[in-house]
Amino acid sequence: MGISQENGRSGAWRVTVRARGRGAGLPPGGPSRPAGRPLARRQDLRIHGTPGKISCIDGSGRTRWTASCSGVPNAAHISGGRVLVTTDSLAYTAWGNLGPAALLDLADGSRVAELRGARGAALGGGRFVLGLEGYDAFDTWAYDRDGTLYDSWRSYGHYVVGTGIRVVETDRNIPTSSRVVRLLPGGTVERGPSLCDPQTPEPLVLTDGTVLVLDAGVLRAVGRRLEDTVLAELQAIDPEEAWRYHGSLHRAGDDITATITEQHPDQPGKYGYRTWTLTLHQGG
């Protein structure tokens, strides 16, 4: 997903581990979207999605428009009078559950273009980035407000957008070649610190632009200049076994909860998890 950011340095943060926990099975709760929560909002407009339909609702609860789609909307991004909606397909395909990405006019829901990609992020002026990984694809494409391609990069992952575009890459390869990178004009990729986890979870972005990454059991801070600091070594994970682990980060105020779920090596349906509650401190 795309996450907004501001300028900053990773060295400005540290954490204290306040509590630890563990349990059997899958962790309670999860990242699923609460019922009725919009996919995106801009001022008094909210974008909602249900199977086969995208809706724009204003602050009074009035439906401004609806648009049909061939999948299940899973995320939306708004920029300059345009909205980009990524979807899951209704049927399993060669690309798994990947559905089309719809670029719509925010004013009336009319279709501007149909694109392909799994994750997107909003840039300014009705522009977007859209990315895809799998088979020979490991790419990010930049589109203008008319859906015209104007730049592309050999990189894909979680997008952090602000004064530039950073990517916490997720290549799903073991050993992984993923890094935290910056996308520069003309298809140039500025490579930052290497990652150990081929499927790092969605990062957290702090107010100064520092990106917190849970990387194979290590909580790392990556600044806007791609400088890298280890904040906490939570769990030792063999990079060759990284496929058995799935992490997540959640923030509430100055508290961060890191969760690592482990799949049993010999029993695919058996899981356990560990949690850490950390307090975030600004300043060295």
Protein backbone atom coordinates (compact mmCIF):
# COMPACT_ATOMS: atom_id res chain seq x y z
CA MET A 1 0.00 0.00 0.00
CA GLY A 2 0.97 3.66 -0.25
CA ILE A 3 1.85 5.52 2.93
CA SER A 4 2.48 9.26 3.25
CA GLN A 5 5.69 10.48 4.87
CA GLU A 6 7.69 13.54 5.87
CA ASN A 7 11.43 14.22 6.08
CA GLY A 8 13.50 12.60 8.82
CA ARG A 9 16.42 10.52 10.08
CA SER A 10 16.21 7.00 11.45
CA GLY A 11 18.69 7.75 14.24
CA ALA A 12 16.14 9.96 15.96
CA TRP A 13 14.20 6.98 17.37
CA ARG A 14 14.67 4.16 19.87
CA VAL A 15 12.35 1.62 21.47
CA THR A 16 11.95 -0.08 24.84
CA VAL A 17 10.44 -3.57 25.05
CA ARG A 18 7.77 -3.40 27.78
CA ALA A 19 6.03 -6.76 27.49
CA ARG A 20 6.23 -10.11 25.74
CA GLY A 21 3.62 -12.73 25.07
CA ARG A 22 3.05 -15.97 23.18
CA GLY A 23 0.17 -18.21 22.25
CA ALA A 24 -0.89 -21.26 20.25
CA GLY A 25 -2.74 -21.03 16.97
CA LEU A 26 -3.17 -17.84 14.98
CA PRO A 27 -3.03 -14.49 16.80
CA PRO A 28 -6.40 -13.00 17.75
CA GLY A 29 -7.84 -10.29 15.56
CA GLY A 30 -5.98 -9.42 12.41
CA PRO A 31 -5.58 -6.86 9.68
CA SER A 32 -9.04 -7.35 8.15
CA ARG A 33 -10.94 -4.14 7.42
CA PRO A 34 -13.81 -3.43 9.85
CA ALA A 35 -17.24 -3.65 8.26
CA GLY A 36 -18.31 -0.33 6.79
CA ARG A 37 -14.86 1.23 6.88
CA PRO A 38 -14.06 3.04 3.61
CA LEU A 39 -11.23 2.01 1.33
CA ALA A 40 -10.15 5.66 1.12
CA ARG A 41 -11.38 9.13 2.03
CA ARG A 42 -10.72 12.66 0.81
CA GLN A 43 -12.31 15.57 2.67
CA ASP A 44 -16.04 14.67 2.85
CA LEU A 45 -15.87 11.89 0.22
CA ARG A 46 -15.46 8.21 1.06
CA ILE A 47 -14.75 5.35 -1.34
CA HIS A 48 -16.38 2.01 -0.49
CA GLY A 49 -16.15 -1.33 -2.25
CA THR A 50 -18.28 -4.46 -2.35
CA PRO A 51 -18.03 -7.41 -4.77
CA GLY A 52 -18.61 -6.02 -8.25
CA LYS A 53 -19.20 -2.42 -7.11
CA ILE A 54 -17.31 0.75 -6.14
CA SER A 55 -19.21 3.59 -4.45
CA CYS A 56 -18.48 7.20 -3.56
CA ILE A 57 -20.41 8.51 -0.54
CA ASP A 58 -20.34 12.08 0.77
CA GLY A 59 -20.39 13.35 4.35
CA SER A 60 -24.18 13.42 4.48
CA GLY A 61 -24.37 9.74 3.59
CA ARG A 62 -25.56 10.40 0.05
CA THR A 63 -24.19 8.13 -2.66
CA ARG A 64 -22.57 10.37 -5.26
CA TRP A 65 -21.97 7.57 -7.75
CA THR A 66 -21.45 3.84 -8.17
CA ALA A 67 -19.23 2.06 -10.68
CA SER A 68 -19.18 -1.61 -11.59
CA CYS A 69 -16.03 -3.70 -11.43
CA SER A 70 -15.26 -7.32 -12.21
CA GLY A 71 -13.64 -8.10 -8.86
CA VAL A 72 -13.71 -7.40 -5.13
CA PRO A 73 -12.23 -3.96 -4.28
CA ASN A 74 -9.46 -4.23 -1.67
CA ALA A 75 -7.79 -0.78 -1.64
CA ALA A 76 -8.29 2.69 -3.07
CA HIS A 77 -6.04 5.71 -3.54
CA ILE A 78 -7.20 9.26 -4.31
CA SER A 79 -5.24 11.99 -6.11
CA GLY A 80 -6.18 15.11 -8.06
CA GLY A 81 -9.73 14.18 -9.05
CA ARG A 82 -8.89 10.54 -9.75
CA VAL A 83 -9.27 7.36 -7.71
CA LEU A 84 -7.33 4.14 -8.29
CA VAL A 85 -9.01 0.97 -6.99
CA THR A 86 -7.22 -2.38 -6.85
CA THR A 87 -9.30 -5.56 -6.71
CA ASP A 88 -9.21 -9.28 -6.05
CA SER A 89 -10.65 -11.49 -8.76
CA LEU A 90 -13.89 -13.37 -8.16
CA ALA A 91 -12.29 -16.59 -9.44
CA TYR A 92 -8.79 -18.01 -8.98
CA THR A 93 -6.60 -17.38 -12.03
CA ALA A 94 -3.02 -17.94 -13.16
CA TRP A 95 -2.23 -14.76 -11.17
CA GLY A 96 -3.97 -16.08 -8.08
CA ASN A 97 -6.58 -13.66 -6.78
CA LEU A 98 -5.31 -10.65 -8.73
CA GLY A 99 -8.12 -8.62 -10.27
CA PRO A 100 -8.00 -5.53 -12.51
CA ALA A 101 -7.13 -2.08 -11.19
CA ALA A 102 -9.66 0.60 -12.10
CA LEU A 103 -8.71 4.25 -12.62
CA LEU A 104 -11.88 6.31 -12.16
CA ASP A 105 -12.92 9.95 -12.30
CA LEU A 106 -13.60 11.00 -8.72
CA ALA A 107 -16.35 13.41 -9.83
CA ASP A 108 -18.69 10.88 -11.43
CA GLY A 109 -17.08 7.42 -11.25
CA SER A 110 -16.57 7.16 -15.00
CA ARG A 111 -13.82 4.77 -16.03
CA VAL A 112 -10.60 6.42 -17.19
CA ALA A 113 -8.52 3.27 -17.65
CA GLU A 114 -8.28 -0.38 -16.61
CA LEU A 115 -4.79 -1.32 -15.42
CA ARG A 116 -3.05 -4.30 -13.87
CA GLY A 117 -1.38 -4.29 -10.49
CA ALA A 118 -1.62 -5.62 -6.94
CA ARG A 119 -0.53 -2.57 -4.91
CA GLY A 120 -0.78 1.13 -5.60
CA ALA A 121 -0.10 4.54 -4.12
CA ALA A 122 -1.22 8.07 -4.89
CA LEU A 123 1.18 10.70 -6.16
CA GLY A 124 0.21 14.32 -6.76
CA GLY A 125 -1.88 15.74 -9.59
CA GLY A 126 -3.94 12.65 -10.31
CA ARG A 127 -0.86 10.46 -10.77
CA PHE A 128 -0.32 7.02 -9.24
CA VAL A 129 2.18 4.20 -8.96
CA LEU A 130 0.98 0.63 -9.39
CA GLY A 131 3.04 -2.51 -8.87
CA LEU A 132 3.01 -6.24 -9.48
CA GLU A 133 5.18 -9.21 -8.48
CA GLY A 134 5.10 -12.78 -9.79
CA TYR A 135 6.36 -14.87 -12.71
CA ASP A 136 8.67 -12.43 -14.56
CA ALA A 137 7.11 -9.35 -12.98
CA PHE A 138 8.77 -7.36 -10.23
CA ASP A 139 7.77 -3.95 -11.43
CA THR A 140 6.32 -0.59 -10.51
CA TRP A 141 4.66 1.63 -13.12
CA ALA A 142 3.79 5.33 -12.87
CA TYR A 143 0.60 6.54 -14.59
CA ASP A 144 -0.71 10.04 -15.19
CA ARG A 145 -4.31 11.16 -14.66
CA ASP A 146 -5.32 9.76 -18.05
CA GLY A 147 -3.87 6.32 -17.32
CA THR A 148 -0.85 6.89 -19.57
CA LEU A 149 2.37 5.19 -18.50
CA TYR A 150 5.19 7.71 -18.00
CA ASP A 151 7.84 5.86 -15.94
CA SER A 152 8.65 2.37 -14.65
CA TRP A 153 11.07 0.65 -12.29
CA ARG A 154 12.28 -2.87 -11.58
CA SER A 155 11.07 -2.88 -7.96
CA TYR A 156 7.95 -3.83 -6.04
CA GLY A 157 6.71 -3.89 -2.46
CA HIS A 158 5.19 -1.54 0.11
CA TYR A 159 5.19 2.05 -1.16
CA VAL A 160 6.06 5.04 1.05
CA VAL A 161 5.19 8.25 -0.78
CA GLY A 162 5.99 11.83 0.17
CA THR A 163 8.76 14.06 -1.19
CA GLY A 164 9.83 10.94 -3.11
CA ILE A 165 8.93 7.27 -3.46
CA ARG A 166 10.51 4.61 -1.28
CA VAL A 167 9.75 0.90 -1.54
CA VAL A 168 10.12 -1.77 1.14
CA GLU A 169 10.59 -4.57 -1.36
CA THR A 170 8.93 -8.00 -1.14
CA ASP A 171 10.30 -10.38 -3.77
CA ARG A 172 9.13 -13.67 -2.14
CA ASN A 173 12.45 -15.32 -3.04
CA ILE A 174 14.67 -17.40 -0.75
CA PRO A 175 17.37 -16.20 -0.52
CA THR A 176 15.85 -12.77 -0.95
CA SER A 177 17.32 -9.85 -2.86
CA SER A 178 14.83 -7.39 -1.34
CA ARG A 179 15.98 -3.99 -0.14
CA VAL A 180 14.55 -0.68 0.93
CA VAL A 181 14.97 1.48 -2.16
CA ARG A 182 14.09 4.88 -3.60
CA LEU A 183 12.55 5.25 -7.05
CA LEU A 184 14.09 8.05 -9.10
CA PRO A 185 12.95 9.48 -12.45
CA GLY A 186 13.88 7.59 -15.60
CA GLY A 187 13.53 4.14 -14.09
CA THR A 188 16.49 4.53 -11.74
CA VAL A 189 16.39 2.56 -8.47
CA GLU A 190 18.56 3.84 -5.61
CA ARG A 191 19.32 0.80 -3.48
CA GLY A 192 19.35 1.06 0.29
CA PRO A 193 19.75 -1.55 3.05
CA SER A 194 19.29 -5.24 2.27
CA LEU A 195 16.42 -7.15 3.88
CA CYS A 196 16.40 -10.72 5.20
CA ASP A 197 12.65 -11.34 4.95
CA PRO A 198 11.28 -11.94 1.42
CA GLN A 199 7.79 -10.90 2.56
CA THR A 200 8.22 -8.09 5.06
CA PRO A 201 4.86 -6.92 6.44
CA GLU A 202 3.45 -3.46 5.87
CA PRO A 203 5.80 -0.96 7.54
CA LEU A 204 4.93 1.87 9.89
CA VAL A 205 5.85 5.42 8.91
CA LEU A 206 6.65 7.90 11.67
CA THR A 207 5.94 11.63 11.56
CA ASP A 208 9.49 12.48 10.43
CA GLY A 209 9.40 9.99 7.57
CA THR A 210 11.31 7.20 9.31
CA VAL A 211 10.07 3.79 8.17
CA LEU A 212 9.82 0.99 10.76
CA VAL A 213 10.34 -2.41 9.15
CA LEU A 214 9.86 -5.78 10.86
CA ASP A 215 12.50 -7.77 9.00
CA ALA A 216 12.77 -11.47 9.89
CA GLY A 217 12.39 -10.82 13.62
CA VAL A 218 14.40 -7.58 13.68
CA LEU A 219 12.74 -4.17 14.06
CA ARG A 220 14.63 -1.72 11.86
CA ALA A 221 14.34 2.01 11.22
CA VAL A 222 15.12 3.32 7.75
CA GLY A 223 15.37 7.06 7.23
CA ARG A 224 14.48 9.14 4.21
CA ARG A 225 18.11 8.95 3.06
CA LEU A 226 17.93 5.15 3.36
CA GLU A 227 20.16 5.07 6.46
CA ASP A 228 19.46 1.95 8.50
CA THR A 229 19.34 1.43 12.30
CA VAL A 230 18.46 -1.73 14.26
CA LEU A 231 15.99 -0.80 17.03
CA ALA A 232 15.33 -4.25 18.52
CA GLU A 233 16.28 -7.87 17.82
CA LEU A 234 13.04 -9.62 18.76
CA GLN A 235 13.43 -13.16 17.43
CA ALA A 236 16.18 -15.02 15.61
CA ILE A 237 14.81 -16.34 12.29
CA ASP A 238 16.90 -18.34 9.83
CA PRO A 239 16.54 -16.62 6.42
CA GLU A 240 16.12 -20.05 4.83
CA GLU A 241 13.10 -20.64 7.09
CA ALA A 242 11.58 -17.20 6.62
CA TRP A 243 8.67 -18.67 4.63
CA ARG A 244 7.27 -20.14 7.87
CA TYR A 245 6.97 -16.76 9.59
CA HIS A 246 4.62 -13.85 9.09
CA GLY A 247 5.02 -10.55 10.93
CA SER A 248 2.84 -7.53 11.56
CA LEU A 249 3.25 -4.10 13.13
CA HIS A 250 0.52 -2.00 14.75
CA ARG A 251 0.84 1.37 16.45
CA ALA A 252 -1.30 3.08 19.07
CA GLY A 253 0.19 6.38 20.23
CA ASP A 254 3.75 5.76 21.37
CA ASP A 255 3.19 2.00 21.68
CA ILE A 256 4.00 -0.51 18.95
CA THR A 257 2.86 -4.12 18.90
CA ALA A 258 5.00 -6.51 16.89
CA THR A 259 3.54 -9.95 16.19
CA ILE A 260 5.34 -12.88 14.58
CA THR A 261 3.30 -15.93 13.58
CA GLU A 262 5.15 -19.21 13.00
CA GLN A 263 3.90 -22.15 10.94
CA HIS A 264 4.96 -25.57 12.24
CA PRO A 265 7.70 -27.01 9.97
CA ASP A 266 6.01 -30.42 9.63
CA GLN A 267 2.33 -29.64 10.25
CA PRO A 268 1.18 -26.91 7.82
CA GLY A 269 -2.08 -26.24 9.69
CA LYS A 270 -0.43 -25.74 13.07
CA TYR A 271 0.65 -22.26 14.20
CA GLY A 272 2.00 -20.38 17.17
CA TYR A 273 2.74 -16.71 17.70
CA ARG A 274 4.76 -14.31 19.80
CA THR A 275 4.06 -10.66 20.58
CA TRP A 276 6.15 -7.75 21.82
CA THR A 277 4.84 -4.44 23.15
CA LEU A 278 7.37 -1.67 22.60
CA THR A 279 7.37 1.98 23.58
CA LEU A 280 8.66 4.38 20.96
CA HIS A 281 11.00 7.19 22.09
CA GLN A 282 12.16 10.12 20.03
CA GLY A 283 15.77 11.20 20.35
CA GLY A 284 18.91 9.19 20.96
